[in-house]
């Protein structure tokens, strides 16, 4: 079982940066894949980034590749998402997620979800 709590969302101008953080609890965190999804009004939830259990392997959606960087610290049970060069289309609720296979790839079954944090990018 993994519990996830996001923080760091807010309002930023286009071209700016934000850093999201996710505090995780649960004995299986260090063996779990982790990542981030987002959902905009009227759109389906979409995969943003994923990391395997060690953080050595990362996956990114094409729309954020080169602008967003995901990282994890298994000693602190945290997952971060550094978002640079933000665009209005990045506006969404961002969810921290975890899964038990340890793979962290987009196609795995993401078992655990945080409550979400709002990111708004103004033009």
Protein backbone atom coordinates (compact mmCIF):
# COMPACT_ATOMS: atom_id res chain seq x y z
CA UNK A 1 0.00 0.00 0.00
CA UNK A 2 1.30 3.46 -0.92
CA UNK A 3 -0.22 6.82 0.04
CA UNK A 4 0.63 9.88 -2.03
CA UNK A 5 0.25 13.60 -1.27
CA UNK A 6 1.14 16.25 -3.87
CA UNK A 7 2.20 19.84 -3.30
CA UNK A 8 3.68 22.73 -5.25
CA UNK A 9 0.98 23.56 -7.75
CA UNK A 10 -0.02 27.13 -8.50
CA UNK A 11 -0.30 29.89 -11.08
CA UNK A 12 2.63 30.74 -13.35
CA UNK A 13 3.12 32.72 -16.52
CA UNK A 14 3.97 31.01 -19.79
CA UNK A 15 7.68 30.35 -20.00
CA UNK A 16 8.00 30.04 -16.25
CA UNK A 17 8.81 27.08 -14.02
CA UNK A 18 7.17 25.12 -11.22
CA UNK A 19 8.30 22.19 -9.14
CA UNK A 20 5.77 19.65 -7.93
CA UNK A 21 6.55 17.38 -5.03
CA UNK A 22 4.92 14.19 -3.85
CA UNK A 23 5.34 12.74 -0.37
CA UNK A 24 4.81 9.00 -0.25
CA UNK A 25 4.24 6.64 2.63
CA UNK A 26 4.12 2.87 2.69
CA UNK A 27 6.60 0.04 2.96
CA UNK A 28 6.62 -0.76 -0.74
CA UNK A 29 7.51 2.70 -2.05
CA UNK A 30 11.17 1.94 -2.81
CA UNK A 31 10.21 -1.03 -4.99
CA UNK A 32 7.36 0.76 -6.77
CA UNK A 33 7.32 2.55 -10.07
CA UNK A 34 6.20 6.17 -9.67
CA UNK A 35 5.12 8.93 -11.97
CA UNK A 36 2.82 11.80 -12.86
CA UNK A 37 -0.42 12.09 -14.80
CA UNK A 38 -2.46 15.17 -15.58
CA UNK A 39 -6.02 15.99 -16.54
CA UNK A 40 -7.41 19.14 -18.13
CA UNK A 41 -11.13 20.02 -18.16
CA UNK A 42 -12.93 18.03 -20.81
CA UNK A 43 -9.92 15.84 -21.54
CA UNK A 44 -8.90 12.36 -20.50
CA UNK A 45 -6.19 11.82 -17.96
CA UNK A 46 -2.82 11.56 -19.68
CA UNK A 47 0.54 10.15 -18.72
CA UNK A 48 3.22 12.80 -18.15
CA UNK A 49 6.28 11.03 -16.70
CA UNK A 50 7.30 7.77 -15.06
CA UNK A 51 10.32 6.37 -13.22
CA UNK A 52 11.27 2.81 -12.43
CA UNK A 53 11.87 1.67 -8.85
CA UNK A 54 15.44 3.05 -8.72
CA UNK A 55 14.84 6.19 -10.75
CA UNK A 56 17.47 5.10 -13.26
CA UNK A 57 14.91 4.64 -16.04
CA UNK A 58 12.51 7.44 -16.96
CA UNK A 59 9.65 7.82 -19.41
CA UNK A 60 8.12 11.06 -20.70
CA UNK A 61 5.18 12.04 -22.84
CA UNK A 62 6.25 13.63 -26.12
CA UNK A 63 4.48 16.83 -25.14
CA UNK A 64 6.77 17.39 -22.12
CA UNK A 65 10.03 15.74 -23.24
CA UNK A 66 12.91 18.18 -22.79
CA UNK A 67 10.89 20.54 -20.57
CA UNK A 68 9.90 18.37 -17.61
CA UNK A 69 12.20 16.30 -15.40
CA UNK A 70 10.96 13.68 -12.96
CA UNK A 71 13.06 12.41 -10.07
CA UNK A 72 12.69 10.35 -6.92
CA UNK A 73 14.48 10.02 -3.61
CA UNK A 74 13.85 6.61 -2.04
CA UNK A 75 15.57 7.64 1.19
CA UNK A 76 13.09 10.47 1.66
CA UNK A 77 10.10 8.76 -0.02
CA UNK A 78 9.57 11.66 -2.39
CA UNK A 79 8.87 12.12 -6.08
CA UNK A 80 9.40 15.46 -7.82
CA UNK A 81 8.46 16.94 -11.18
CA UNK A 82 10.45 19.94 -12.35
CA UNK A 83 8.49 21.77 -15.03
CA UNK A 84 10.28 24.36 -17.17
CA UNK A 85 9.22 26.42 -20.19
CA UNK A 86 5.61 25.99 -19.19
CA UNK A 87 2.88 26.52 -21.76
CA UNK A 88 -0.83 27.34 -21.34
CA UNK A 89 -1.62 23.83 -22.59
CA UNK A 90 0.19 22.43 -19.54
CA UNK A 91 -2.67 23.74 -17.40
CA UNK A 92 -4.18 20.75 -15.60
CA UNK A 93 -4.59 18.94 -12.33
CA UNK A 94 -1.41 16.92 -11.82
CA UNK A 95 -1.54 13.57 -10.02
CA UNK A 96 1.30 11.67 -8.40
CA UNK A 97 0.96 7.95 -9.07
CA UNK A 98 2.60 4.68 -8.05
CA UNK A 99 2.46 1.08 -9.23
CA UNK A 100 3.64 -2.25 -7.89
CA UNK A 101 5.57 -3.72 -10.84
CA UNK A 102 8.47 -1.31 -10.32
CA UNK A 103 8.65 -0.63 -14.03
CA UNK A 104 7.09 2.84 -14.12
CA UNK A 105 6.30 2.68 -17.84
CA UNK A 106 3.23 4.42 -19.27
CA UNK A 107 1.36 1.20 -20.00
CA UNK A 108 1.51 -0.36 -16.53
CA UNK A 109 -1.48 -0.43 -14.22
CA UNK A 110 -1.12 2.55 -11.91
CA UNK A 111 -2.56 1.32 -8.62
CA UNK A 112 -2.18 4.37 -6.38
CA UNK A 113 -3.15 7.99 -6.96
CA UNK A 114 -2.74 11.19 -5.00
CA UNK A 115 -5.50 13.76 -4.68
CA UNK A 116 -4.02 16.05 -7.33
CA UNK A 117 -2.63 19.58 -7.42
CA UNK A 118 -3.72 22.35 -9.79
CA UNK A 119 -1.22 23.92 -12.19
CA UNK A 120 -2.39 26.94 -14.16
CA UNK A 121 -0.23 28.55 -16.84
CA UNK A 122 -1.35 31.97 -18.03
CA UNK A 123 -0.55 33.29 -21.49
